[in-house]
Amino acid sequence: MREYELYVPLFLNDGTPVPDEFIDRLGERLLEQFGGCTFFPQPNKGLWKIGDVVFHDEVVIFRVLTGQVRTARRFFRGLKKELMRELQQEAILIVEKDTMEPVCKPMASRWQMPFASSRGYSSLRLQHDVAKLLRERRARTGQFGRIYFVSDHDPSGLDLQRAWEEALANFGAIATFVRVGLTIDQARNGRDEAGRPLEELSIGVKAGDGKRKGDSRALAYMEQYGPRCWEVDILPAETIEQAIDADIERWINWDLWRRREVEIESARALL
């Protein structure tokens, strides 16, 4: 027989109490999966120290016994992913191109936030799914979404962000968009990984003859930014990561974040 303990936090990352119904449903799932479980409802207080800072935590504990070790491990791996999704701070990283996915996806993973590759103008399905995630999170925790957006600094790239903002609003989701790449300041003042000024890596805007759909976007872009534009691929990954980190660090509750990191590592150690 193998014993498993599941430590469930009593508070979300923003300090909101975890609903009793959530705890009850979790117990019902364990009962159904293993035929029985022990629940320790009294809050267990933990203390740990990182550097000179002491952190406090409150959890409740479920305990199960089973001889089906492989089945239990598969179950808890899936449950871990669900709990991480249910209990984490909600921010989302969206990038325009598939080529940016291997660059940006690890950044999203490090901050435990969802990631989406827009692949240009997305289908309404993807935008609907992101909006649904944000609405459900808002209903559970009262938190608003925060979208970190990465796209080319050209007529289509800027309009793509506008299209996402409009689509999410139409689907009833409330979110703040933060453009972390490519911004005009990064384009005009940044350098690529080889040290070359990004200003020198610009390309000409194709304005067309005013008859195509994108021509009006190009003309509006040139009026505001001039005749040159930039593809986001030239932006060093470090620059994007620094922009995300700087924004998150302005609003994150570090005590709660470190508490959650310890909870996740504790859960991983059990699997």
Protein backbone atom coordinates (compact mmCIF):
# COMPACT_ATOMS: atom_id res chain seq x y z
CA MET A 1 0.00 0.00 0.00
CA ARG A 2 1.15 3.55 -0.72
CA GLU A 3 0.05 6.66 1.16
CA TYR A 4 -0.53 9.97 -0.61
CA GLU A 5 -1.19 13.32 1.03
CA LEU A 6 -2.65 16.27 -0.84
CA TYR A 7 -2.04 19.71 0.67
CA VAL A 8 -4.67 22.19 -0.46
CA PRO A 9 -4.14 25.94 0.19
CA LEU A 10 -6.93 27.81 1.92
CA PHE A 11 -6.20 31.04 0.06
CA LEU A 12 -5.66 31.96 -3.58
CA ASN A 13 -2.66 34.00 -4.73
CA ASP A 14 -4.58 37.24 -4.28
CA GLY A 15 -5.58 36.35 -0.71
CA THR A 16 -9.14 35.30 -1.61
CA PRO A 17 -10.31 32.30 0.47
CA VAL A 18 -10.70 29.06 -1.46
CA PRO A 19 -14.47 28.29 -1.51
CA ASP A 20 -15.66 25.46 0.75
CA GLU A 21 -17.41 23.99 -2.28
CA PHE A 22 -14.05 23.58 -4.00
CA ILE A 23 -12.69 21.59 -1.04
CA ASP A 24 -15.87 19.48 -0.92
CA ARG A 25 -15.68 18.64 -4.63
CA LEU A 26 -12.03 17.67 -4.25
CA GLY A 27 -12.93 15.27 -1.45
CA GLU A 28 -15.69 13.73 -3.56
CA ARG A 29 -13.25 13.13 -6.42
CA LEU A 30 -10.76 11.41 -4.13
CA LEU A 31 -13.55 9.27 -2.68
CA GLU A 32 -14.69 8.25 -6.14
CA GLN A 33 -11.16 7.52 -7.36
CA PHE A 34 -9.82 5.61 -4.36
CA GLY A 35 -12.94 4.42 -2.56
CA GLY A 36 -12.09 6.41 0.54
CA CYS A 37 -9.98 9.23 1.92
CA THR A 38 -9.16 10.92 5.21
CA PHE A 39 -9.76 14.63 5.46
CA PHE A 40 -8.05 16.83 8.03
CA PRO A 41 -10.24 19.96 8.03
CA GLN A 42 -8.37 21.88 10.68
CA PRO A 43 -6.06 24.49 9.11
CA ASN A 44 -2.44 23.43 9.27
CA LYS A 45 -0.05 26.32 9.63
CA GLY A 46 3.37 26.11 8.09
CA LEU A 47 6.42 28.31 8.36
CA TRP A 48 9.47 28.46 6.11
CA LYS A 49 12.30 30.87 5.59
CA ILE A 50 13.77 32.16 2.34
CA GLY A 51 16.67 34.49 2.94
CA ASP A 52 15.70 36.73 5.82
CA VAL A 53 11.96 36.50 5.16
CA VAL A 54 9.66 34.10 7.04
CA PHE A 55 6.54 32.94 5.16
CA HIS A 56 3.30 31.63 6.61
CA ASP A 57 0.89 29.18 5.03
CA GLU A 58 -2.45 27.56 5.82
CA VAL A 59 -3.53 24.30 4.21
CA VAL A 60 -5.94 21.44 4.72
CA ILE A 61 -4.87 17.88 4.04
CA PHE A 62 -6.40 14.91 2.24
CA ARG A 63 -4.85 11.48 2.71
CA VAL A 64 -5.50 8.35 0.64
CA LEU A 65 -4.16 4.79 0.74
CA THR A 66 -3.94 2.66 -2.40
CA GLY A 67 -2.09 -0.31 -3.78
CA GLN A 68 -2.54 0.87 -7.38
CA VAL A 69 0.55 3.04 -7.50
CA ARG A 70 0.70 3.68 -11.24
CA THR A 71 -2.97 4.59 -11.43
CA ALA A 72 -2.59 6.90 -8.44
CA ARG A 73 0.39 8.65 -9.98
CA ARG A 74 -1.48 9.27 -13.23
CA PHE A 75 -4.46 10.60 -11.31
CA PHE A 76 -2.40 12.96 -9.18
CA ARG A 77 -0.45 14.26 -12.19
CA GLY A 78 -3.72 15.25 -13.85
CA LEU A 79 -5.10 16.65 -10.60
CA LYS A 80 -1.95 18.71 -10.08
CA LYS A 81 -2.41 20.41 -13.45
CA GLU A 82 -6.03 21.18 -12.64
CA LEU A 83 -5.18 22.63 -9.23
CA MET A 84 -2.40 24.77 -10.67
CA ARG A 85 -4.87 26.11 -13.22
CA GLU A 86 -7.62 26.66 -10.65
CA LEU A 87 -5.53 28.30 -7.93
CA GLN A 88 -2.93 30.40 -9.74
CA GLN A 89 -2.79 34.11 -10.57
CA GLU A 90 -4.34 34.63 -13.98
CA ALA A 91 -2.22 36.31 -16.60
CA ILE A 92 -1.97 35.24 -20.24
CA LEU A 93 0.84 35.60 -22.77
CA ILE A 94 -0.25 35.85 -26.42
CA VAL A 95 2.21 35.95 -29.33
CA GLU A 96 1.54 36.60 -33.00
CA LYS A 97 3.82 34.07 -34.70
CA ASP A 98 4.61 30.38 -34.33
CA THR A 99 8.30 31.32 -34.52
CA MET A 100 7.93 33.16 -31.20
CA GLU A 101 6.40 30.18 -29.39
CA PRO A 102 9.69 28.46 -28.38
CA VAL A 103 11.00 31.86 -27.26
CA CYS A 104 8.02 33.01 -25.21
CA LYS A 105 6.36 29.82 -23.99
CA PRO A 106 9.05 29.16 -21.32
CA MET A 107 8.46 32.70 -20.01
CA ALA A 108 4.78 31.92 -19.55
CA SER A 109 5.63 28.63 -17.88
CA ARG A 110 8.00 30.32 -15.43
CA TRP A 111 5.18 32.60 -14.26
CA GLN A 112 2.61 29.74 -14.40
CA MET A 113 0.37 31.57 -16.86
CA PRO A 114 -1.47 30.31 -19.95
CA PHE A 115 0.12 30.80 -23.36
CA ALA A 116 -1.51 31.24 -26.77
CA SER A 117 -0.01 31.54 -30.25
CA SER A 118 -2.31 33.73 -32.32
CA ARG A 119 -0.86 32.75 -35.71
CA GLY A 120 -1.90 36.05 -37.20
CA TYR A 121 -5.59 36.91 -37.10
CA SER A 122 -6.98 34.12 -34.95
CA SER A 123 -10.13 32.16 -35.36
CA LEU A 124 -12.93 33.27 -33.10
CA ARG A 125 -12.64 29.88 -31.39
CA LEU A 126 -9.28 30.70 -29.80
CA GLN A 127 -10.44 34.15 -28.76
CA HIS A 128 -13.66 32.67 -27.36
CA ASP A 129 -11.68 30.13 -25.31
CA VAL A 130 -9.39 32.81 -23.86
CA ALA A 131 -12.39 34.99 -23.02
CA LYS A 132 -14.12 32.05 -21.34
CA LEU A 133 -11.04 31.38 -19.21
CA LEU A 134 -10.95 35.03 -18.14
CA ARG A 135 -14.67 35.16 -17.35
CA GLU A 136 -14.55 32.00 -15.26
CA ARG A 137 -11.52 33.27 -13.38
CA ARG A 138 -13.27 36.56 -12.73
CA ALA A 139 -16.37 34.76 -11.43
CA ARG A 140 -14.34 32.58 -9.05
CA THR A 141 -11.86 35.07 -7.67
CA GLY A 142 -12.87 38.58 -8.67
CA GLN A 143 -9.56 38.97 -10.53
CA PHE A 144 -9.32 40.78 -13.85
CA GLY A 145 -7.22 39.33 -16.66
CA ARG A 146 -3.92 40.75 -17.83
CA ILE A 147 -2.79 40.00 -21.38
CA TYR A 148 0.89 40.27 -22.33
CA PHE A 149 0.97 40.74 -26.10
CA VAL A 150 3.84 40.12 -28.53
CA SER A 151 3.62 40.94 -32.24
CA ASP A 152 5.37 42.76 -35.09
CA HIS A 153 5.51 46.54 -34.93
CA ASP A 154 3.87 47.03 -38.30
CA PRO A 155 0.33 47.82 -39.50
CA SER A 156 -0.89 44.24 -39.15
CA GLY A 157 0.86 43.55 -35.84
CA LEU A 158 -0.64 46.59 -34.13
CA ASP A 159 -4.06 45.93 -35.63
CA LEU A 160 -3.88 42.34 -34.41
CA GLN A 161 -3.74 43.56 -30.83
CA ARG A 162 -6.73 45.80 -31.48
CA ALA A 163 -8.61 42.81 -32.90
CA TRP A 164 -7.88 40.76 -29.77
CA GLU A 165 -8.98 43.57 -27.47
CA GLU A 166 -12.22 43.94 -29.42
CA ALA A 167 -12.92 40.20 -29.56
CA LEU A 168 -12.40 39.61 -25.84
CA ALA A 169 -14.64 42.58 -25.02
CA ASN A 170 -17.33 41.23 -27.35
CA PHE A 171 -17.14 37.89 -25.57
CA GLY A 172 -17.66 39.62 -22.23
CA ALA A 173 -14.13 39.32 -20.84
CA ILE A 174 -12.47 42.17 -18.94
CA ALA A 175 -8.71 42.34 -19.47
CA THR A 176 -5.86 44.83 -19.52
CA PHE A 177 -3.50 44.52 -22.49
CA VAL A 178 0.21 45.13 -21.92
CA ARG A 179 2.35 45.22 -25.05
CA VAL A 180 5.72 43.71 -24.13
CA GLY A 181 7.10 43.41 -27.67
CA LEU A 182 7.59 44.91 -30.09
CA THR A 183 7.11 48.49 -28.87
CA ILE A 184 8.23 51.59 -30.71
CA ASP A 185 10.63 52.41 -27.88
CA GLN A 186 12.24 48.96 -28.17
CA ALA A 187 12.46 49.35 -31.95
CA ARG A 188 14.11 52.76 -31.85
CA ASN A 189 16.36 52.31 -28.86
CA GLY A 190 17.02 48.57 -28.57
CA ARG A 191 19.64 46.25 -29.99
CA ASP A 192 19.50 42.70 -31.26
CA GLU A 193 21.46 39.79 -29.79
CA ALA A 194 24.45 40.70 -32.00
CA GLY A 195 24.45 44.26 -30.66
CA ARG A 196 23.08 45.89 -33.81
CA PRO A 197 20.62 48.75 -33.34
CA LEU A 198 17.11 47.58 -34.10
CA GLU A 199 16.55 50.89 -35.87
CA GLU A 200 18.87 49.62 -38.61
CA LEU A 201 16.89 46.36 -39.01
CA SER A 202 13.63 48.02 -40.00
CA ILE A 203 11.85 47.31 -43.27
CA GLY A 204 9.69 49.54 -45.43
CA VAL A 205 5.94 49.71 -44.92
CA LYS A 206 3.96 48.55 -47.94
CA ALA A 207 1.30 51.22 -48.34
CA GLY A 208 -0.32 49.91 -51.52
CA ASP A 209 -2.59 52.00 -53.70
CA GLY A 210 -5.42 52.44 -51.20
CA LYS A 211 -7.59 49.71 -52.74
CA ARG A 212 -6.71 46.76 -50.50
CA LYS A 213 -8.13 46.13 -47.03
CA GLY A 214 -4.81 46.63 -45.27
CA ASP A 215 -3.91 49.85 -47.06
CA SER A 216 -5.79 52.08 -44.64
CA ARG A 217 -3.92 50.47 -41.74
CA ALA A 218 -0.62 51.10 -43.50
CA LEU A 219 -1.41 54.74 -44.13
CA ALA A 220 -2.47 55.27 -40.51
CA TYR A 221 0.70 53.53 -39.32
CA MET A 222 2.97 55.72 -41.47
CA GLU A 223 1.23 58.84 -40.28
CA GLN A 224 2.04 57.95 -36.68
CA TYR A 225 5.36 56.09 -36.92
CA GLY A 226 6.86 56.86 -40.32
CA PRO A 227 7.61 54.65 -43.33
CA ARG A 228 9.63 51.97 -41.48
CA CYS A 229 8.41 48.97 -39.44
CA TRP A 230 9.93 46.02 -37.56
CA GLU A 231 9.36 42.27 -37.20
CA VAL A 232 9.29 41.01 -33.63
CA ASP A 233 11.74 38.19 -34.42
CA ILE A 234 14.65 40.65 -34.19
CA LEU A 235 13.87 41.43 -30.55
CA PRO A 236 16.08 39.52 -28.07
CA ALA A 237 14.19 37.10 -25.84
CA GLU A 238 15.78 38.76 -22.83
CA THR A 239 14.10 42.06 -23.70
CA ILE A 240 10.64 40.47 -23.80
CA GLU A 241 11.30 38.60 -20.57
CA GLN A 242 12.46 41.76 -18.81
CA ALA A 243 9.32 43.60 -19.91
CA ILE A 244 7.07 40.83 -18.57
CA ASP A 245 9.01 40.59 -15.31
CA ALA A 246 8.96 44.35 -14.76
CA ASP A 247 5.19 44.54 -15.18
CA ILE A 248 4.42 41.49 -13.03
CA GLU A 249 6.68 42.75 -10.26
CA ARG A 250 4.58 45.92 -10.05
CA TRP A 251 1.44 44.08 -8.95
CA ILE A 252 2.41 40.63 -7.67
CA ASN A 253 2.09 39.73 -3.98
CA TRP A 254 5.47 38.13 -3.37
CA ASP A 255 4.51 36.48 -0.08
CA LEU A 256 1.61 34.68 -1.74
CA TRP A 257 3.65 33.86 -4.84
CA ARG A 258 6.47 32.23 -2.86
CA ARG A 259 3.90 30.39 -0.77
CA ARG A 260 2.36 28.99 -3.96
CA GLU A 261 5.75 27.97 -5.35
CA VAL A 262 6.46 25.97 -2.21
CA GLU A 263 3.02 24.32 -2.43
CA ILE A 264 3.64 23.30 -6.04
CA GLU A 265 7.07 21.89 -5.24
CA SER A 266 5.58 19.97 -2.32
CA ALA A 267 2.90 18.56 -4.61
CA ARG A 268 5.51 17.55 -7.21
CA ALA A 269 7.49 15.72 -4.56
CA LEU A 270 4.46 13.53 -3.90
CA LEU A 271 4.05 12.49 -7.54
